[in-house]
Amino acid sequence: MKISVMGMVHSQPNSFILSLTSNSLDPETDVGLEVTVSFRDRSVVRNAKVSGKWGKEEKNIPYFPFTPMQHFKMEILCEHQQFRVQVDGQQLFDFTYRVQQLQKLTALKIIGDIRLTKVV
């Protein structure tokens, strides 16, 4: 399974957040993967929430792939034991599954300083 998110970063961005959840309307729902991109810190922080509790944040990235006013394509691949995330064809990070039943992750929520052009 793969999710592709294409968009353009705003001209003066602060941040954006992408979440894969089991119910986007319920604030207590499990979050299989939340990616928080901060332009101020040039960071990409990942986490998950299981049974109402957030886990440990992961922050290491080999590079910061987002630039104001530039288009991007983020791909989230569901592999055997992890999400593999690529931006513009380059691997950015792996995130080991913390939610065990991936089929329950049915909602994608994206907020922040980007303009979406396509999600498939």
Protein backbone atom coordinates (compact mmCIF):
# COMPACT_ATOMS: atom_id res chain seq x y z
CA MET A 1 0.00 0.00 0.00
CA LYS A 2 1.22 3.50 -0.82
CA ILE A 3 -0.11 7.00 -0.24
CA SER A 4 1.22 9.87 -2.36
CA VAL A 5 0.77 13.48 -1.27
CA MET A 6 1.67 16.20 -3.74
CA GLY A 7 1.61 19.89 -3.00
CA MET A 8 3.41 23.19 -2.85
CA VAL A 9 4.90 24.83 0.22
CA HIS A 10 3.58 28.33 1.03
CA SER A 11 5.89 31.32 0.54
CA GLN A 12 6.48 31.94 4.28
CA PRO A 13 5.78 28.61 5.94
CA ASN A 14 5.92 27.80 9.65
CA SER A 15 4.89 24.15 9.65
CA PHE A 16 2.56 21.45 8.43
CA ILE A 17 1.31 18.21 9.95
CA LEU A 18 0.32 14.99 8.23
CA SER A 19 -1.49 12.30 10.26
CA LEU A 20 -2.67 8.78 9.45
CA THR A 21 -5.48 8.02 11.90
CA SER A 22 -8.34 5.63 12.51
CA ASN A 23 -10.87 8.49 12.78
CA SER A 24 -10.01 12.09 11.90
CA LEU A 25 -12.98 13.49 13.90
CA ASP A 26 -12.20 11.78 17.22
CA PRO A 27 -9.38 13.49 19.16
CA GLU A 28 -8.73 10.30 21.16
CA THR A 29 -8.29 8.08 18.11
CA ASP A 30 -5.13 6.10 17.44
CA VAL A 31 -2.59 7.83 15.20
CA GLY A 32 -0.45 5.39 13.27
CA LEU A 33 1.92 8.06 12.00
CA GLU A 34 2.08 11.79 12.59
CA VAL A 35 4.69 13.80 10.71
CA THR A 36 5.30 17.38 11.88
CA VAL A 37 7.42 19.48 9.52
CA SER A 38 8.87 22.66 11.06
CA PHE A 39 10.51 25.18 8.77
CA ARG A 40 11.89 27.25 11.65
CA ASP A 41 13.78 24.24 13.05
CA ARG A 42 14.20 22.52 9.68
CA SER A 43 12.93 19.37 11.38
CA VAL A 44 10.65 16.47 10.54
CA VAL A 45 9.34 14.92 13.77
CA ARG A 46 7.48 11.58 13.78
CA ASN A 47 5.31 9.99 16.42
CA ALA A 48 2.31 7.71 16.99
CA LYS A 49 -0.52 7.61 19.52
CA VAL A 50 -1.76 4.23 20.74
CA SER A 51 -4.58 3.82 23.29
CA GLY A 52 -4.59 7.57 23.98
CA LYS A 53 -0.84 7.85 24.67
CA TRP A 54 1.82 9.42 22.49
CA GLY A 55 5.05 7.50 22.12
CA LYS A 56 8.62 8.69 21.81
CA GLU A 57 9.31 11.25 19.09
CA GLU A 58 11.76 10.39 16.33
CA LYS A 59 13.68 13.29 14.80
CA ASN A 60 16.73 12.13 12.83
CA ILE A 61 16.66 12.93 9.12
CA PRO A 62 19.47 12.90 6.54
CA TYR A 63 18.33 16.19 4.96
CA PHE A 64 15.47 18.72 5.04
CA PRO A 65 13.56 18.30 1.76
CA PHE A 66 11.05 21.18 1.81
CA THR A 67 11.56 24.66 0.32
CA PRO A 68 9.15 27.63 0.29
CA MET A 69 7.25 28.00 -3.01
CA GLN A 70 8.47 24.61 -4.25
CA HIS A 71 6.40 21.59 -5.24
CA PHE A 72 6.98 18.27 -3.50
CA LYS A 73 5.81 14.67 -3.65
CA MET A 74 5.74 12.74 -0.37
CA GLU A 75 5.21 8.99 -0.61
CA ILE A 76 4.29 6.85 2.39
CA LEU A 77 4.92 3.17 1.71
CA CYS A 78 3.56 0.50 4.03
CA GLU A 79 6.24 -2.15 4.26
CA HIS A 80 6.36 -5.34 6.30
CA GLN A 81 7.20 -3.72 9.68
CA GLN A 82 7.44 0.00 8.98
CA PHE A 83 6.33 3.04 7.09
CA ARG A 84 8.97 4.17 4.60
CA VAL A 85 8.66 7.85 3.68
CA GLN A 86 10.24 9.38 0.61
CA VAL A 87 10.17 12.96 -0.62
CA ASP A 88 10.76 13.57 -4.32
CA GLY A 89 12.05 10.02 -4.72
CA GLN A 90 14.65 10.25 -1.92
CA GLN A 91 14.23 8.27 1.29
CA LEU A 92 13.66 10.57 4.27
CA PHE A 93 12.92 8.13 7.12
CA ASP A 94 11.50 4.79 8.24
CA PHE A 95 9.01 4.58 11.11
CA THR A 96 8.36 1.22 12.77
CA TYR A 97 4.68 0.42 13.18
CA ARG A 98 3.29 1.07 16.65
CA VAL A 99 -0.39 0.58 15.77
CA GLN A 100 -0.68 -3.15 15.12
CA GLN A 101 -3.83 -3.15 12.99
CA LEU A 102 -2.94 -1.00 9.99
CA GLN A 103 -6.32 -1.65 8.37
CA LYS A 104 -7.86 0.61 11.04
CA LEU A 105 -5.87 3.60 9.73
CA THR A 106 -8.49 4.90 7.33
CA ALA A 107 -8.15 8.70 7.57
CA LEU A 108 -5.48 11.09 6.32
CA LYS A 109 -5.39 14.56 7.89
CA ILE A 110 -3.13 17.33 6.58
CA ILE A 111 -3.02 20.85 8.03
CA GLY A 112 -0.60 23.75 7.79
CA ASP A 113 1.36 25.85 5.36
CA ILE A 114 1.07 23.85 2.15
CA ARG A 115 -1.32 23.78 -0.78
CA LEU A 116 -2.32 20.26 -1.75
CA THR A 117 -2.44 19.51 -5.45
CA LYS A 118 -3.11 15.75 -5.37
CA VAL A 119 -3.50 12.87 -2.92
CA VAL A 120 -3.62 9.26 -4.19
